[in-house]
C-alpha atoms as a PDB file:
ATOM      1  CA  MET A   1     168.592-219.210 190.379  1.00  0.00           C
ATOM      2  CA  SER A   2     166.932-216.692 188.416  1.00  0.00           C
ATOM      3  CA  ASN A   3     168.079-215.205 185.030  1.00  0.00           C
ATOM      4  CA  TYR A   4     167.462-211.713 183.542  1.00  0.00           C
ATOM      5  CA  ASP A   5     167.757-210.769 179.747  1.00  0.00           C
ATOM      6  CA  LEU A   6     167.733-207.792 177.889  1.00  0.00           C
ATOM      7  CA  LEU A   7     164.799-207.250 175.263  1.00  0.00           C
ATOM      8  CA  ASP A   8     165.851-207.479 171.555  1.00  0.00           C
ATOM      9  CA  LEU A   9     165.746-203.768 170.944  1.00  0.00           C
ATOM     10  CA  THR A  10     165.203-204.273 167.059  1.00  0.00           C
ATOM     11  CA  ALA A  11     162.117-206.270 167.451  1.00  0.00           C
ATOM     12  CA  GLN A  12     160.068-203.855 169.547  1.00  0.00           C
ATOM     13  CA  ILE A  13     157.190-201.768 168.216  1.00  0.00           C
ATOM     14  CA  ARG A  14     157.982-198.212 169.099  1.00  0.00           C
ATOM     15  CA  SER A  15     155.045-196.379 166.913  1.00  0.00           C
ATOM     16  CA  ILE A  16     151.630-197.042 165.526  1.00  0.00           C
ATOM     17  CA  GLY A  17     150.886-193.991 163.236  1.00  0.00           C
ATOM     18  CA  ARG A  18     147.641-192.357 162.597  1.00  0.00           C
ATOM     19  CA  ALA A  19     144.537-194.047 163.432  1.00  0.00           C
ATOM     20  CA  SER A  20     141.054-194.368 161.283  1.00  0.00           C
ATOM     21  CA  VAL A  21     137.970-193.820 163.029  1.00  0.00           C
ATOM     22  CA  PHE A  22     135.059-196.140 162.291  1.00  0.00           C
ATOM     23  CA  TYR A  23     131.433-195.995 163.191  1.00  0.00           C
ATOM     24  CA  ALA A  24     128.615-198.133 163.386  1.00  0.00           C
ATOM     25  CA  SER A  25     125.039-197.306 164.447  1.00  0.00           C
ATOM     26  CA  GLY A  26     123.917-198.291 168.109  1.00  0.00           C
ATOM     27  CA  ALA A  27     125.841-200.738 170.639  1.00  0.00           C
ATOM     28  CA  PHE A  28     127.305-203.638 169.130  1.00  0.00           C
ATOM     29  CA  ALA A  29     124.695-206.377 169.532  1.00  0.00           C
ATOM     30  CA  GLY A  30     127.134-209.074 170.556  1.00  0.00           C
ATOM     31  CA  SER A  31     129.566-212.048 169.574  1.00  0.00           C
ATOM     32  CA  GLY A  32     128.223-213.501 166.320  1.00  0.00           C
ATOM     33  CA  THR A  33     126.756-210.514 164.738  1.00  0.00           C
ATOM     34  CA  ASP A  34     127.495-208.426 161.919  1.00  0.00           C
ATOM     35  CA  LEU A  35     129.443-205.285 162.337  1.00  0.00           C
ATOM     36  CA  ALA A  36     128.896-203.093 159.546  1.00  0.00           C
ATOM     37  CA  MET A  37     131.299-199.772 160.089  1.00  0.00           C
ATOM     38  CA  THR A  38     131.796-196.725 158.015  1.00  0.00           C
ATOM     39  CA  HIS A  39     134.747-194.471 158.101  1.00  0.00           C
ATOM     40  CA  LEU A  40     133.716-191.427 160.428  1.00  0.00           C
ATOM     41  CA  GLY A  41     135.980-188.894 158.761  1.00  0.00           C
ATOM     42  CA  ASP A  42     139.678-187.284 158.310  1.00  0.00           C
ATOM     43  CA  THR A  43     141.351-186.553 161.347  1.00  0.00           C
ATOM     44  CA  GLU A  44     144.407-184.483 162.065  1.00  0.00           C
ATOM     45  CA  GLY A  45     146.734-184.729 165.282  1.00  0.00           C
ATOM     46  CA  GLU A  46     146.505-187.072 168.375  1.00  0.00           C
ATOM     47  CA  ILE A  47     143.503-189.620 168.899  1.00  0.00           C
ATOM     48  CA  SER A  48     143.986-190.128 172.412  1.00  0.00           C
ATOM     49  CA  VAL A  49     142.107-192.505 174.845  1.00  0.00           C
ATOM     50  CA  GLU A  50     141.391-191.528 178.669  1.00  0.00           C
ATOM     51  CA  ALA A  51     140.609-194.913 180.696  1.00  0.00           C
ATOM     52  CA  ASN A  52     139.333-192.669 183.669  1.00  0.00           C
ATOM     53  CA  PRO A  53     139.595-195.398 186.253  1.00  0.00           C
ATOM     54  CA  GLU A  54     138.313-195.146 189.815  1.00  0.00           C
ATOM     55  CA  TYR A  55     139.749-197.448 192.590  1.00  0.00           C
ATOM     56  CA  SER A  56     138.563-198.228 196.020  1.00  0.00           C
ATOM     57  CA  GLY A  57     141.703-198.740 198.469  1.00  0.00           C
ATOM     58  CA  LEU A  58     142.330-199.842 202.010  1.00  0.00           C
ATOM     59  CA  THR A  59     144.332-197.697 204.134  1.00  0.00           C
ATOM     60  CA  LEU A  60     145.617-198.070 207.843  1.00  0.00           C
ATOM     61  CA  PRO A  61     146.129-194.348 209.037  1.00  0.00           C
ATOM     62  CA  GLU A  62     147.436-195.363 212.422  1.00  0.00           C
ATOM     63  CA  LEU A  63     149.927-198.075 211.293  1.00  0.00           C
ATOM     64  CA  THR A  64     151.327-197.062 207.863  1.00  0.00           C
ATOM     65  CA  GLY A  65     149.412-193.821 206.884  1.00  0.00           C
ATOM     66  CA  PRO A  66     148.139-193.290 203.458  1.00  0.00           C
ATOM     67  CA  ALA A  67     149.831-196.367 202.054  1.00  0.00           C
ATOM     68  CA  GLU A  68     146.984-198.493 200.437  1.00  0.00           C
ATOM     69  CA  HIS A  69     147.448-202.348 201.591  1.00  0.00           C
ATOM     70  CA  GLU A  70     144.475-203.614 199.487  1.00  0.00           C
ATOM     71  CA  LYS A  71     143.202-201.837 196.043  1.00  0.00           C
ATOM     72  CA  TYR A  72     140.156-202.660 193.560  1.00  0.00           C
ATOM     73  CA  VAL A  73     139.389-201.039 190.376  1.00  0.00           C
ATOM     74  CA  THR A  74     135.932-200.256 190.845  1.00  0.00           C
ATOM     75  CA  GLY A  75     135.311-199.082 187.029  1.00  0.00           C
ATOM     76  CA  MET A  76     136.286-196.972 184.208  1.00  0.00           C
ATOM     77  CA  ALA A  77     134.835-194.539 182.135  1.00  0.00           C
ATOM     78  CA  PRO A  78     136.576-194.269 178.566  1.00  0.00           C
ATOM     79  CA  THR A  79     136.703-191.046 176.998  1.00  0.00           C
ATOM     80  CA  VAL A  80     138.241-191.135 173.205  1.00  0.00           C
ATOM     81  CA  SER A  81     139.306-187.574 171.675  1.00  0.00           C
ATOM     82  CA  ILE A  82     139.291-187.340 167.897  1.00  0.00           C
ATOM     83  CA  PRO A  83     140.526-184.093 166.129  1.00  0.00           C
ATOM     84  CA  ILE A  84     138.580-184.340 162.934  1.00  0.00           C
ATOM     85  CA  TYR A  85     137.590-182.159 160.330  1.00  0.00           C
ATOM     86  CA  ALA A  86     134.204-181.069 161.085  1.00  0.00           C
ATOM     87  CA  ALA A  87     133.016-178.990 158.245  1.00  0.00           C
ATOM     88  CA  ASP A  88     130.967-181.677 156.630  1.00  0.00           C
ATOM     89  CA  PRO A  89     127.193-180.711 157.404  1.00  0.00           C
ATOM     90  CA  ALA A  90     126.494-184.431 156.878  1.00  0.00           C
ATOM     91  CA  LEU A  91     128.646-184.896 160.270  1.00  0.00           C
ATOM     92  CA  ARG A  92     126.503-182.864 162.395  1.00  0.00           C
ATOM     93  CA  ALA A  93     123.828-185.341 163.287  1.00  0.00           C
ATOM     94  CA  ILE A  94     126.813-187.761 164.004  1.00  0.00           C
ATOM     95  CA  LEU A  95     128.608-185.853 166.005  1.00  0.00           C
ATOM     96  CA  SER A  96     125.738-185.320 168.559  1.00  0.00           C
ATOM     97  CA  PRO A  97     124.332-186.825 171.640  1.00  0.00           C
ATOM     98  CA  THR A  98     120.630-186.886 170.076  1.00  0.00           C
ATOM     99  CA  GLY A  99     121.306-187.818 166.714  1.00  0.00           C
ATOM    100  CA  SER A 100     120.755-184.135 165.441  1.00  0.00           C
ATOM    101  CA  GLY A 101     122.847-181.212 164.310  1.00  0.00           C
ATOM    102  CA  SER A 102     120.194-179.073 165.955  1.00  0.00           C
ATOM    103  CA  GLY A 103     119.264-178.967 169.719  1.00  0.00           C
ATOM    104  CA  GLY A 104     116.662-177.945 172.468  1.00  0.00           C
ATOM    105  CA  TYR A 105     113.950-180.586 173.536  1.00  0.00           C
ATOM    106  CA  GLN A 106     110.900-180.273 175.575  1.00  0.00           C
ATOM    107  CA  ARG A 107     111.697-183.560 177.322  1.00  0.00           C
ATOM    108  CA  ARG A 108     115.061-185.462 178.375  1.00  0.00           C
ATOM    109  CA  ARG A 109     116.367-187.868 175.517  1.00  0.00           C
ATOM    110  CA  ALA A 110     118.338-191.385 175.552  1.00  0.00           C
ATOM    111  CA  VAL A 111     121.839-190.632 173.816  1.00  0.00           C
ATOM    112  CA  THR A 112     122.147-191.546 170.161  1.00  0.00           C
ATOM    113  CA  GLU A 113     124.510-194.767 170.729  1.00  0.00           C
ATOM    114  CA  TYR A 114     127.165-195.872 168.379  1.00  0.00           C
ATOM    115  CA  THR A 115     130.207-198.533 168.359  1.00  0.00           C
ATOM    116  CA  LEU A 116     133.668-196.817 167.561  1.00  0.00           C
ATOM    117  CA  VAL A 117     136.713-198.295 166.242  1.00  0.00           C
ATOM    118  CA  LEU A 118     140.145-197.197 166.116  1.00  0.00           C
ATOM    119  CA  PHE A 119     141.999-199.154 163.493  1.00  0.00           C
ATOM    120  CA  PRO A 120     145.929-198.036 162.700  1.00  0.00           C
ATOM    121  CA  GLU A 121     145.517-196.024 159.201  1.00  0.00           C
ATOM    122  CA  GLN A 122     148.686-198.364 157.829  1.00  0.00           C
ATOM    123  CA  VAL A 123     146.492-201.487 157.680  1.00  0.00           C
ATOM    124  CA  PHE A 124     144.556-200.077 155.014  1.00  0.00           C
ATOM    125  CA  ILE A 125     147.766-199.134 152.944  1.00  0.00           C
ATOM    126  CA  GLU A 126     149.363-201.994 150.827  1.00  0.00           C
ATOM    127  CA  ALA A 127     152.072-201.180 148.133  1.00  0.00           C
ATOM    128  CA  ASP A 128     151.229-197.961 148.473  1.00  0.00           C
ATOM    129  CA  ALA A 129     147.511-198.328 147.229  1.00  0.00           C
ATOM    130  CA  GLN A 130     144.475-197.909 149.621  1.00  0.00           C
ATOM    131  CA  VAL A 131     142.950-201.548 150.237  1.00  0.00           C
ATOM    132  CA  THR A 132     139.769-202.998 152.036  1.00  0.00           C
ATOM    133  CA  LEU A 133     139.964-204.590 155.452  1.00  0.00           C
ATOM    134  CA  GLY A 134     137.674-207.464 155.859  1.00  0.00           C
ATOM    135  CA  TYR A 135     136.698-210.338 158.309  1.00  0.00           C
ATOM    136  CA  THR A 136     134.513-213.377 158.033  1.00  0.00           C
ATOM    137  CA  THR A 137     134.362-216.185 160.999  1.00  0.00           C
ATOM    138  CA  ALA A 138     135.315-218.651 157.942  1.00  0.00           C
ATOM    139  CA  GLY A 139     138.155-216.663 156.361  1.00  0.00           C
ATOM    140  CA  ASP A 140     139.280-214.395 159.285  1.00  0.00           C
ATOM    141  CA  TRP A 141     140.924-211.002 158.557  1.00  0.00           C
ATOM    142  CA  THR A 142     141.954-210.138 154.946  1.00  0.00           C
ATOM    143  CA  VAL A 143     143.465-206.782 153.385  1.00  0.00           C
ATOM    144  CA  GLY A 144     142.891-206.321 149.615  1.00  0.00           C
ATOM    145  CA  GLY A 145     141.008-209.522 149.589  1.00  0.00           C
ATOM    146  CA  ASP A 146     144.072-211.462 150.591  1.00  0.00           C
ATOM    147  CA  ALA A 147     144.921-213.016 154.065  1.00  0.00           C
ATOM    148  CA  ALA A 148     146.429-210.625 156.335  1.00  0.00           C
ATOM    149  CA  SER A 149     150.020-211.217 156.751  1.00  0.00           C
ATOM    150  CA  ALA A 150     151.796-211.602 160.053  1.00  0.00           C
ATOM    151  CA  ALA A 151     152.792-207.793 159.940  1.00  0.00           C
ATOM    152  CA  GLN A 152     149.197-206.516 159.261  1.00  0.00           C
ATOM    153  CA  LEU A 153     147.533-208.793 161.976  1.00  0.00           C
ATOM    154  CA  ALA A 154     150.548-207.136 164.312  1.00  0.00           C
ATOM    155  CA  LEU A 155     148.932-203.895 163.370  1.00  0.00           C
ATOM    156  CA  LEU A 156     145.388-204.955 163.996  1.00  0.00           C
ATOM    157  CA  ASP A 157     146.342-206.068 167.328  1.00  0.00           C
ATOM    158  CA  LEU A 158     147.006-202.668 168.174  1.00  0.00           C
ATOM    159  CA  ALA A 159     143.194-201.710 167.417  1.00  0.00           C
ATOM    160  CA  ILE A 160     140.594-200.714 170.164  1.00  0.00           C
ATOM    161  CA  PHE A 161     137.195-201.312 169.828  1.00  0.00           C
ATOM    162  CA  PHE A 162     134.479-199.339 172.197  1.00  0.00           C
ATOM    163  CA  TRP A 163     131.264-201.237 172.019  1.00  0.00           C
ATOM    164  CA  ARG A 164     128.901-198.820 172.817  1.00  0.00           C
ATOM    165  CA  GLY A 165     128.674-194.992 173.805  1.00  0.00           C
ATOM    166  CA  HIS A 166     127.858-192.000 172.732  1.00  0.00           C
ATOM    167  CA  PHE A 167     129.434-188.677 170.994  1.00  0.00           C
ATOM    168  CA  GLU A 168     129.775-185.191 172.742  1.00  0.00           C
ATOM    169  CA  PRO A 169     127.819-182.149 170.407  1.00  0.00           C
ATOM    170  CA  ALA A 170     130.434-180.715 167.937  1.00  0.00           C
ATOM    171  CA  MET A 171     129.255-177.187 167.512  1.00  0.00           C
ATOM    172  CA  PRO A 172     130.368-174.925 164.167  1.00  0.00           C
ATOM    173  CA  VAL A 173     133.466-173.351 164.266  1.00  0.00           C
ATOM    174  CA  TYR A 174     134.171-170.289 161.940  1.00  0.00           C
ATOM    175  CA  ARG A 175     137.827-169.502 161.185  1.00  0.00           C
ATOM    176  CA  HIS A 176     139.722-167.015 159.308  1.00  0.00           C
ATOM    177  CA  GLU A 177     143.053-168.508 159.761  1.00  0.00           C
ATOM    178  CA  ASP A 178     144.548-171.309 157.954  1.00  0.00           C
ATOM    179  CA  GLY A 179     141.942-170.723 155.063  1.00  0.00           C
ATOM    180  CA  GLY A 180     139.063-171.149 157.542  1.00  0.00           C
ATOM    181  CA  LYS A 181     140.055-175.124 158.182  1.00  0.00           C
ATOM    182  CA  VAL A 182     137.642-176.622 160.746  1.00  0.00           C
ATOM    183  CA  VAL A 183     139.657-179.010 163.266  1.00  0.00           C
ATOM    184  CA  GLN A 184     137.488-179.968 166.170  1.00  0.00           C
ATOM    185  CA  GLU A 185     138.273-181.973 169.263  1.00  0.00           C
ATOM    186  CA  VAL A 186     135.412-184.184 169.509  1.00  0.00           C
ATOM    187  CA  ALA A 187     134.657-186.497 172.313  1.00  0.00           C
ATOM    188  CA  PHE A 188     133.466-189.997 172.579  1.00  0.00           C
ATOM    189  CA  ASN A 189     131.771-191.226 175.668  1.00  0.00           C
ATOM    190  CA  THR A 190     132.061-195.124 176.324  1.00  0.00           C
ATOM    191  CA  MET A 191     129.524-196.752 178.012  1.00  0.00           C
ATOM    192  CA  HIS A 192     128.862-200.006 179.232  1.00  0.00           C
ATOM    193  CA  ASN A 193     127.610-202.901 177.295  1.00  0.00           C
ATOM    194  CA  SER A 194     126.197-205.895 178.695  1.00  0.00           C
ATOM    195  CA  ALA A 195     125.640-208.027 175.355  1.00  0.00           C
ATOM    196  CA  MET A 196     129.757-208.576 175.632  1.00  0.00           C
ATOM    197  CA  PRO A 197     131.654-210.820 177.968  1.00  0.00           C
ATOM    198  CA  ASP A 198     132.916-210.102 181.231  1.00  0.00           C
ATOM    199  CA  GLY A 199     136.046-208.000 180.586  1.00  0.00           C
ATOM    200  CA  HIS A 200     134.878-206.556 177.338  1.00  0.00           C
ATOM    201  CA  HIS A 201     131.701-204.679 178.518  1.00  0.00           C
ATOM    202  CA  LEU A 202     133.255-201.463 177.617  1.00  0.00           C
ATOM    203  CA  PHE A 203     136.250-202.076 175.104  1.00  0.00           C
ATOM    204  CA  THR A 204     138.611-204.684 173.515  1.00  0.00           C
ATOM    205  CA  ILE A 205     141.903-203.809 172.453  1.00  0.00           C
ATOM    206  CA  GLY A 206     143.122-206.101 169.439  1.00  0.00           C
ATOM    207  CA  ARG A 207     141.704-208.587 167.220  1.00  0.00           C
ATOM    208  CA  PRO A 208     138.131-209.802 169.012  1.00  0.00           C
ATOM    209  CA  ASP A 209     138.334-212.877 167.494  1.00  0.00           C
ATOM    210  CA  GLN A 210     141.472-213.734 169.565  1.00  0.00           C
ATOM    211  CA  ALA A 211     140.234-212.111 172.978  1.00  0.00           C
ATOM    212  CA  THR A 212     139.291-214.739 175.670  1.00  0.00           C
ATOM    213  CA  PRO A 213     136.118-215.483 175.190  1.00  0.00           C
ATOM    214  CA  ALA A 214     136.200-215.016 171.090  1.00  0.00           C
ATOM    215  CA  ILE A 215     134.125-212.073 170.066  1.00  0.00           C
ATOM    216  CA  GLU A 216     133.201-212.742 166.350  1.00  0.00           C
ATOM    217  CA  ILE A 217     132.325-209.279 164.581  1.00  0.00           C
ATOM    218  CA  ALA A 218     130.437-211.253 161.818  1.00  0.00           C
ATOM    219  CA  ALA A 219     127.829-213.889 161.506  1.00  0.00           C
ATOM    220  CA  ALA A 220     129.597-215.718 158.779  1.00  0.00           C
END
C-alpha cells in the first residue's frame, strides 16, 4: 500500500530575498584553499541565473515520433544577470572580460577570471545590525562571531558558488532620468573549473562544506 501526505505548508520556504554578490580574483583553486571575497557592490532588482542546459535525446520517428526514449544532459553554460549600480569608476576594471575599463588590443587576450558567490543578504543582518559572515574548517560558519543558527544555516543553503567565470563589459550609461541613477544589467559567464570535484565543476548550491564530497573554502 502506498501512502500520500500533504506538506506542512507552514514549514515551507517561499522567499529568499535580496542577494549580496561577492567576488574573488581568479578561479577557485580547489578544496582546502582560502576563498577571500569582496562585496561587488549595490544592486537593485532581480538577480537571476540561467542554467542554459544542452541535451542529447534519442528519438524514434517511425515508432513514436518526436518523443524521446533516452535523454542525456550534455552540459550547461550558466549565466548570472546582475543589475548593479555601475557608476563607481573602480568597478569598470572588474566588470570587464579583460580586467580593464578600456578596450582595444592588438592580439586576443585570455579573459580575466573570478569566483562569484550569491549569498542571501539576510544572513548578514542580525538584530537589525550588519554583521560579518565567516567560515573556518574548525569553527564552521559564524555570523557576527557566533556560531550560525539553524535559520542562518538554512539561508546559507540557498547560496550559490560559481567557481570560475568572467564578466561581460559594462559600458558607461549617462542618464537624465531618476537623477542620473545608473543601474546596469551585468552578465557573469560561468566557466568549467577542473579543480573542483565531479558534479561541481561549474557551481555549487548551498554550503560547499556540506556537498558530496565536501568542498572547503578555507585552509584552516
